[in-house]
Amino acid sequence: MDRRPGLSARLKLTISYAALLLLAGAMLLAVVWVFLLRYVPPEAVSLGGPCEPGTGGRCPPNYFIPGRLDLWRAFAPKAAVMMGLLLVLGLGGGWFLAGRMLAPLNQIAGATRIAAKGSLAHRIRMPGPRDEFRELADAFDSMLEQIEAHVGEHQRFAANASHELRTPLATMQTLLEVAQRDPAGCTPELVDRLHFVNARAIDLTEALLMLSRTGRRSFARSPVDLSLVAEEAAETLLPLAEAQDVDIQVSGEVASAAGSPALLLQMTVNLLHNAIVHNRSEDGSVSVAAAVDAGFAVLTVENSGEVLQPHLVATLTEPFQRGTRRVRSDHAGVGLGLAIVENIVKAHDGRLTLTARPEGGLRVEVRLPAAEAP
């Protein structure tokens, strides 16, 4: 945005300091004039007279009392000189003090220009006690840390997404080349394989779009009962659970959260899908429970499975991180399920907690702000 040139903040503060100092001097002169000079006679007064006979040569003293004009003539030049000194002191001292006061702001502006050139690793780290400028510098450093983390996360995400998309696209390219070289040998197995790879690429693309949309907060909030959402998600994934020989148990009480019904349903479906496909091969189980706790609507999903290490659990919400868990079918997804869940939870101002169960499997807890009662 183009702006016309103007006075710098330092010059404005200098002029303000000088003007305030001159105003204080003028007010002091006004006090002198109003409260002191009004007791002085307007005209000069002379007391005493000539010597009278019989006084022995002693004459009465002769007193001269100056008037207001006489005092003003004597006082005005000194007052003008003092006002000039106050002006010089105000401009010089104001310029120096303004420079000292604005030095941290100049340091912050310099860091901003460095960050604008792409150097997000630079930090101000302003020393000294806490004041407004130090708080601004600390907030700026914190913002740079968050931006640097987000940029790094997006770069890793773009690299992983490119890698994940390259595999099915390269596979389809190979299959198409085979069919092109031998059109007569285009078997149903080749067509089925091409259809499967294409469907996986479509699923990955849709998951990437969902992941990019879930971070936004541009959705209408309404009360959503997590217990009903859990039942609907369980019914949706019941055929997959039966095919994988996994038992789903839904329980809990009415737990209303403030949010988007579609996004919260997608969140629950992703959690259940993740719990089903990463499970034990025999007697697998998934439990879903909804509850209310201290002003939060809580959704808990637990599944049986292999014993997970804590360091592995901490990375499961990162995009394309499937860990070392054993996948039981071709419904393993594209590695974005829990990443989408985390984005939905953050968009609803909630908290997502993943915990490895001692007996094996994973426990996922979602805490969302409860909806206000009508």
Protein backbone atom coordinates (compact mmCIF):
# COMPACT_ATOMS: atom_id res chain seq x y z
CA MET A 1 0.00 0.00 0.00
CA ASP A 2 1.50 3.33 -1.11
CA ARG A 3 1.42 6.08 1.50
CA ARG A 4 2.48 9.69 1.27
CA PRO A 5 5.61 10.55 3.27
CA GLY A 6 5.07 11.95 6.74
CA LEU A 7 6.87 12.83 9.94
CA SER A 8 8.71 10.06 11.72
CA ALA A 9 7.57 8.89 15.13
CA ARG A 10 10.81 10.17 16.65
CA LEU A 11 10.25 13.68 15.27
CA LYS A 12 6.64 13.67 16.41
CA LEU A 13 7.66 12.68 19.93
CA THR A 14 10.40 15.34 19.93
CA ILE A 15 7.94 18.05 18.93
CA SER A 16 5.49 16.77 21.54
CA TYR A 17 8.14 16.89 24.30
CA ALA A 18 9.23 20.44 23.31
CA ALA A 19 5.64 21.66 23.07
CA LEU A 20 4.81 20.18 26.47
CA LEU A 21 7.86 21.83 28.01
CA LEU A 22 6.98 25.21 26.48
CA LEU A 23 3.40 24.85 27.67
CA ALA A 24 4.61 24.16 31.20
CA GLY A 25 6.83 27.29 31.06
CA ALA A 26 3.99 29.42 29.73
CA MET A 27 1.69 28.20 32.48
CA LEU A 28 4.34 29.08 35.06
CA LEU A 29 4.57 32.63 33.66
CA ALA A 30 0.79 32.88 33.71
CA VAL A 31 0.78 31.90 37.37
CA VAL A 32 3.35 34.59 38.12
CA TRP A 33 1.33 37.20 36.24
CA VAL A 34 -2.05 36.27 37.68
CA PHE A 35 -1.18 35.56 41.29
CA LEU A 36 1.78 37.89 41.93
CA LEU A 37 1.71 40.86 39.61
CA ARG A 38 -1.90 41.65 40.38
CA TYR A 39 -0.79 42.80 43.84
CA VAL A 40 1.65 45.30 42.29
CA PRO A 41 0.28 48.80 41.68
CA PRO A 42 -0.40 49.59 38.04
CA GLU A 43 1.73 52.73 38.23
CA ALA A 44 5.02 53.43 40.01
CA VAL A 45 4.69 55.04 43.45
CA SER A 46 7.21 57.36 45.17
CA LEU A 47 7.06 57.85 48.95
CA GLY A 48 8.84 60.57 50.95
CA GLY A 49 9.42 64.29 50.32
CA PRO A 50 11.62 67.32 51.01
CA CYS A 51 13.16 67.97 54.40
CA GLU A 52 11.02 70.07 56.75
CA PRO A 53 12.41 72.78 59.07
CA GLY A 54 13.08 71.75 62.63
CA THR A 55 14.01 68.16 61.81
CA GLY A 56 17.65 68.68 62.62
CA GLY A 57 18.80 68.01 59.11
CA ARG A 58 17.20 64.61 59.02
CA CYS A 59 14.89 64.00 56.06
CA PRO A 60 12.29 61.21 55.69
CA PRO A 61 13.38 58.34 53.38
CA ASN A 62 12.29 58.41 49.78
CA TYR A 63 10.73 55.08 48.64
CA PHE A 64 10.16 54.09 44.99
CA ILE A 65 7.73 51.22 44.29
CA PRO A 66 7.85 50.07 40.64
CA GLY A 67 4.64 49.45 38.78
CA ARG A 68 3.57 46.46 36.77
CA LEU A 69 5.02 47.86 33.57
CA ASP A 70 8.40 48.40 35.20
CA LEU A 71 8.48 44.85 36.51
CA TRP A 72 7.37 43.42 33.17
CA ARG A 73 10.11 45.35 31.33
CA ALA A 74 12.68 43.87 33.66
CA PHE A 75 11.20 40.37 33.67
CA ALA A 76 10.16 39.89 30.03
CA PRO A 77 13.67 39.62 28.48
CA LYS A 78 14.73 37.04 31.05
CA ALA A 79 11.49 35.12 30.52
CA ALA A 80 12.01 35.15 26.75
CA VAL A 81 15.56 33.86 27.14
CA MET A 82 14.34 31.12 29.47
CA MET A 83 11.57 30.11 27.04
CA GLY A 84 14.18 29.87 24.29
CA LEU A 85 16.33 27.65 26.49
CA LEU A 86 13.29 25.50 27.25
CA LEU A 87 12.64 25.15 23.51
CA VAL A 88 16.22 24.10 22.81
CA LEU A 89 16.20 21.74 25.79
CA GLY A 90 12.86 20.28 24.74
CA LEU A 91 13.99 19.65 21.16
CA GLY A 92 17.41 18.26 22.06
CA GLY A 93 16.29 16.25 25.06
CA GLY A 94 13.14 15.09 23.28
CA TRP A 95 15.14 13.90 20.27
CA PHE A 96 17.52 11.96 22.51
CA LEU A 97 14.79 10.46 24.70
CA ALA A 98 12.62 9.56 21.72
CA GLY A 99 15.56 7.78 20.14
CA ARG A 100 16.18 5.80 23.30
CA MET A 101 12.53 4.94 23.69
CA LEU A 102 12.06 3.89 20.04
CA ALA A 103 15.28 1.87 19.78
CA PRO A 104 13.49 -1.42 20.61
CA LEU A 105 10.85 -0.62 18.01
CA ASN A 106 13.55 -0.11 15.40
CA GLN A 107 15.02 -3.47 16.39
CA ILE A 108 11.64 -5.14 15.92
CA ALA A 109 11.20 -3.42 12.54
CA GLY A 110 14.61 -4.70 11.46
CA ALA A 111 13.66 -8.24 12.45
CA THR A 112 10.42 -7.87 10.50
CA ARG A 113 12.31 -6.89 7.36
CA ILE A 114 14.62 -9.86 7.80
CA ALA A 115 11.64 -12.20 8.19
CA ALA A 116 9.98 -10.66 5.12
CA LYS A 117 13.00 -11.77 3.08
CA GLY A 118 12.37 -15.39 4.10
CA SER A 119 14.72 -15.77 7.07
CA LEU A 120 12.33 -17.21 9.66
CA ALA A 121 15.13 -18.48 11.90
CA HIS A 122 16.02 -14.95 13.07
CA ARG A 123 14.92 -14.02 16.62
CA ILE A 124 14.97 -10.68 18.42
CA ARG A 125 15.53 -11.96 21.98
CA MET A 126 15.37 -8.44 23.38
CA PRO A 127 17.07 -8.12 26.79
CA GLY A 128 15.87 -6.05 29.72
CA PRO A 129 12.89 -6.07 32.05
CA ARG A 130 9.39 -6.65 30.76
CA ASP A 131 7.61 -3.66 29.28
CA GLU A 132 5.39 -3.01 26.25
CA PHE A 133 8.26 -3.24 23.76
CA ARG A 134 9.66 -6.42 25.33
CA GLU A 135 6.22 -8.02 25.25
CA LEU A 136 5.89 -7.05 21.60
CA ALA A 137 9.32 -8.52 20.83
CA ASP A 138 8.51 -11.75 22.70
CA ALA A 139 5.18 -12.03 20.87
CA PHE A 140 6.98 -11.48 17.56
CA ASP A 141 9.53 -14.19 18.40
CA SER A 142 6.72 -16.56 19.32
CA MET A 143 4.94 -15.77 16.05
CA LEU A 144 8.12 -16.45 14.08
CA GLU A 145 8.54 -19.80 15.85
CA GLN A 146 4.98 -20.81 14.98
CA ILE A 147 5.32 -19.66 11.37
CA GLU A 148 8.63 -21.50 11.01
CA ALA A 149 7.05 -24.65 12.44
CA HIS A 150 4.03 -24.35 10.12
CA VAL A 151 6.21 -23.72 7.08
CA GLY A 152 8.36 -26.72 7.94
CA GLU A 153 5.25 -28.83 8.47
CA HIS A 154 3.79 -27.72 5.14
CA GLN A 155 7.07 -28.45 3.36
CA ARG A 156 7.18 -31.94 4.84
CA PHE A 157 3.52 -32.40 4.00
CA ALA A 158 4.06 -31.32 0.39
CA ALA A 159 7.03 -33.65 0.06
CA ASN A 160 5.11 -36.57 1.57
CA ALA A 161 2.03 -35.83 -0.54
CA SER A 162 4.15 -35.75 -3.68
CA HIS A 163 5.73 -39.05 -2.72
CA GLU A 164 2.38 -40.68 -1.90
CA LEU A 165 0.79 -39.48 -5.14
CA ARG A 166 3.80 -40.45 -7.24
CA THR A 167 3.44 -44.14 -6.36
CA PRO A 168 -0.11 -44.75 -7.68
CA LEU A 169 0.45 -42.48 -10.66
CA ALA A 170 3.64 -44.31 -11.58
CA THR A 171 1.85 -47.64 -11.17
CA MET A 172 -0.98 -46.53 -13.44
CA GLN A 173 1.54 -45.29 -15.98
CA THR A 174 3.26 -48.69 -15.99
CA LEU A 175 -0.03 -50.55 -16.36
CA LEU A 176 -1.10 -48.30 -19.21
CA GLU A 177 2.21 -48.83 -20.99
CA VAL A 178 1.78 -52.59 -20.66
CA ALA A 179 -1.71 -52.39 -22.09
CA GLN A 180 -0.52 -50.12 -24.88
CA ARG A 181 2.28 -52.50 -25.91
CA ASP A 182 -0.06 -55.50 -25.90
CA PRO A 183 -3.69 -54.41 -26.39
CA ALA A 184 -4.79 -58.00 -26.85
CA GLY A 185 -3.29 -58.96 -23.50
CA CYS A 186 -5.39 -56.51 -21.52
CA THR A 187 -6.72 -59.03 -19.00
CA PRO A 188 -9.45 -58.44 -16.44
CA GLU A 189 -6.80 -58.66 -13.73
CA LEU A 190 -4.94 -55.77 -15.31
CA VAL A 191 -8.12 -53.70 -15.49
CA ASP A 192 -8.96 -54.52 -11.87
CA ARG A 193 -5.47 -53.57 -10.78
CA LEU A 194 -5.67 -50.30 -12.71
CA HIS A 195 -9.08 -49.58 -11.18
CA PHE A 196 -7.74 -50.24 -7.66
CA VAL A 197 -4.72 -47.96 -8.11
CA ASN A 198 -6.88 -45.23 -9.61
CA ALA A 199 -9.34 -45.47 -6.73
CA ARG A 200 -6.50 -45.19 -4.23
CA ALA A 201 -5.22 -42.06 -5.99
CA ILE A 202 -8.72 -40.57 -5.84
CA ASP A 203 -9.01 -41.41 -2.14
CA LEU A 204 -5.67 -39.77 -1.46
CA THR A 205 -6.69 -36.63 -3.36
CA GLU A 206 -9.99 -36.40 -1.49
CA ALA A 207 -8.18 -36.89 1.82
CA LEU A 208 -5.76 -34.08 0.95
CA LEU A 209 -8.69 -31.79 0.16
CA MET A 210 -10.39 -32.73 3.41
CA LEU A 211 -7.20 -32.08 5.35
CA SER A 212 -6.85 -28.61 3.81
CA ARG A 213 -10.47 -27.73 4.62
CA THR A 214 -10.66 -28.99 8.17
CA GLY A 215 -8.22 -26.37 9.46
CA ARG A 216 -10.63 -23.58 8.60
CA ARG A 217 -13.13 -22.26 11.13
CA SER A 218 -15.67 -20.96 8.62
CA PHE A 219 -18.51 -23.26 9.65
CA ALA A 220 -21.71 -22.76 11.59
CA ARG A 221 -21.70 -24.16 15.11
CA SER A 222 -24.67 -26.01 16.52
CA PRO A 223 -25.21 -28.54 19.32
CA VAL A 224 -24.09 -32.01 18.21
CA ASP A 225 -24.69 -35.11 20.35
CA LEU A 226 -21.49 -37.14 20.19
CA SER A 227 -23.30 -40.30 21.29
CA LEU A 228 -25.58 -40.13 18.23
CA VAL A 229 -22.61 -39.34 16.00
CA ALA A 230 -20.80 -42.40 17.38
CA GLU A 231 -23.79 -44.63 16.64
CA GLU A 232 -24.08 -43.29 13.09
CA ALA A 233 -20.36 -43.82 12.46
CA ALA A 234 -20.55 -47.35 13.87
CA GLU A 235 -23.46 -48.21 11.55
CA THR A 236 -21.55 -46.79 8.58
CA LEU A 237 -18.47 -48.92 9.28
CA LEU A 238 -20.29 -52.03 10.47
CA PRO A 239 -19.75 -53.94 7.16
CA LEU A 240 -16.01 -53.24 7.35
CA ALA A 241 -15.92 -54.33 11.00
CA GLU A 242 -17.75 -57.56 10.22
CA ALA A 243 -15.40 -58.27 7.31
CA GLN A 244 -12.42 -57.78 9.65
CA ASP A 245 -14.07 -59.78 12.47
CA VAL A 246 -13.95 -56.77 14.79
CA ASP A 247 -16.65 -56.15 17.39
CA ILE A 248 -17.82 -52.54 17.85
CA GLN A 249 -19.38 -51.47 21.15
CA VAL A 250 -21.01 -48.06 21.49
CA SER A 251 -21.96 -46.72 24.92
CA GLY A 252 -22.17 -43.52 26.90
CA GLU A 253 -24.52 -40.67 27.67
CA VAL A 254 -25.78 -37.63 25.85
CA ALA A 255 -22.77 -35.37 25.26
CA SER A 256 -23.52 -32.26 23.21
CA ALA A 257 -20.61 -30.39 21.67
CA ALA A 258 -20.71 -27.10 19.82
CA GLY A 259 -19.53 -27.66 16.28
CA SER A 260 -20.23 -28.80 12.74
CA PRO A 261 -22.27 -32.05 12.49
CA ALA A 262 -20.56 -33.02 9.21
CA LEU A 263 -17.04 -32.44 10.50
CA LEU A 264 -17.66 -34.20 13.81
CA LEU A 265 -19.13 -37.17 11.94
CA GLN A 266 -16.07 -37.27 9.68
CA MET A 267 -13.86 -37.14 12.78
CA THR A 268 -15.66 -40.08 14.40
CA VAL A 269 -15.67 -42.13 11.18
CA ASN A 270 -11.92 -41.61 10.82
CA LEU A 271 -11.31 -42.69 14.42
CA LEU A 272 -13.41 -45.83 14.04
CA HIS A 273 -11.89 -46.66 10.66
CA ASN A 274 -8.42 -46.30 12.13
CA ALA A 275 -9.39 -48.50 15.10
CA ILE A 276 -10.80 -51.23 12.83
CA VAL A 277 -8.03 -51.54 10.26
CA HIS A 278 -5.25 -51.45 12.90
CA ASN A 279 -6.42 -54.30 15.09
CA ARG A 280 -5.63 -57.84 16.09
CA SER A 281 -6.36 -60.61 13.64
CA GLU A 282 -8.50 -62.56 16.12
CA ASP A 283 -11.13 -61.35 18.59
CA GLY A 284 -10.56 -57.71 17.69
CA SER A 285 -12.65 -55.15 19.55
CA VAL A 286 -13.40 -51.43 19.34
CA SER A 287 -15.25 -49.48 22.02
CA VAL A 288 -16.71 -46.01 21.61
CA ALA A 289 -18.00 -43.98 24.56
CA ALA A 290 -19.42 -40.48 24.92
CA ALA A 291 -19.50 -38.58 28.21
CA VAL A 292 -19.59 -35.12 29.76
CA ASP A 293 -16.73 -34.01 31.99
CA ALA A 294 -16.19 -30.55 33.52
CA GLY A 295 -17.81 -28.58 30.74
CA PHE A 296 -16.42 -30.74 27.94
CA ALA A 297 -18.05 -33.30 25.69
CA VAL A 298 -15.70 -36.30 25.62
CA LEU A 299 -15.52 -38.97 22.92
CA THR A 300 -13.30 -41.96 23.65
CA VAL A 301 -12.34 -44.63 21.09
CA GLU A 302 -10.31 -47.67 22.17
CA ASN A 303 -9.18 -50.60 20.10
CA SER A 304 -7.22 -53.77 20.68
CA GLY A 305 -4.05 -54.39 18.76
CA GLU A 306 -0.33 -54.57 19.03
CA VAL A 307 1.56 -52.95 21.89
CA LEU A 308 2.63 -49.48 20.73
CA GLN A 309 5.65 -47.55 21.90
CA PRO A 310 5.04 -44.03 23.27
CA HIS A 311 7.40 -42.42 20.76
CA LEU A 312 5.42 -44.03 17.94
CA VAL A 313 2.09 -42.84 19.32
CA ALA A 314 3.37 -39.27 19.40
CA THR A 315 3.84 -39.32 15.60
CA LEU A 316 0.54 -40.90 14.57
CA THR A 317 -1.22 -37.57 13.98
CA GLU A 318 1.41 -36.45 11.48
CA PRO A 319 0.36 -36.80 7.83
CA PHE A 320 1.27 -40.10 6.16
CA GLN A 321 2.55 -41.60 9.43
CA ARG A 322 1.13 -45.11 9.60
CA GLY A 323 3.69 -46.31 12.14
CA THR A 324 4.60 -49.95 12.38
CA ARG A 325 1.11 -51.17 13.18
CA ARG A 326 0.01 -54.25 11.32
CA VAL A 327 -2.71 -53.51 8.76
CA ARG A 328 -5.18 -56.28 8.24
CA SER A 329 -6.67 -55.44 4.84
CA ASP A 330 -6.53 -53.23 1.80
CA HIS A 331 -8.62 -50.64 3.70
CA ALA A 332 -5.56 -49.15 5.37
CA GLY A 333 -6.33 -45.66 4.10
CA VAL A 334 -3.82 -43.13 2.94
CA GLY A 335 -2.21 -42.14 6.23
CA LEU A 336 -4.24 -38.97 6.77
CA GLY A 337 -7.02 -40.20 9.05
CA LEU A 338 -5.64 -39.03 12.38
CA ALA A 339 -4.17 -35.88 10.81
CA ILE A 340 -7.67 -34.94 9.65
CA VAL A 341 -9.02 -35.75 13.11
CA GLU A 342 -6.45 -33.47 14.74
CA ASN A 343 -7.34 -30.60 12.40
CA ILE A 344 -11.06 -31.02 13.09
CA VAL A 345 -10.45 -31.06 16.84
CA LYS A 346 -8.31 -27.92 16.65
CA ALA A 347 -10.92 -26.16 14.53
CA HIS A 348 -13.44 -26.89 17.30
CA ASP A 349 -11.10 -25.57 20.03
CA GLY A 350 -10.78 -29.06 21.45
CA ARG A 351 -7.98 -31.36 22.54
CA LEU A 352 -6.89 -34.71 21.10
CA THR A 353 -5.03 -37.23 23.27
CA LEU A 354 -3.54 -40.51 22.04
CA THR A 355 -2.42 -43.10 24.58
CA ALA A 356 -0.97 -46.55 24.08
CA ARG A 357 -2.89 -49.19 26.03
CA PRO A 358 -0.74 -51.45 28.24
CA GLU A 359 -2.51 -54.57 26.94
CA GLY A 360 -2.09 -53.44 23.35
CA GLY A 361 -3.90 -51.10 21.04
CA LEU A 362 -4.65 -47.41 21.16
CA ARG A 363 -6.88 -45.14 23.21
CA VAL A 364 -7.99 -41.86 21.62
CA GLU A 365 -9.76 -39.18 23.64
CA VAL A 366 -11.38 -36.11 22.09
CA ARG A 367 -12.43 -33.28 24.41
CA LEU A 368 -14.63 -30.60 22.85
CA PRO A 369 -16.28 -27.59 24.52
CA ALA A 370 -19.78 -28.59 25.51
CA ALA A 371 -22.70 -26.85 23.86
CA GLU A 372 -24.53 -24.30 25.98
CA ALA A 373 -27.94 -25.37 27.17
CA PRO A 374 -30.78 -23.53 25.39
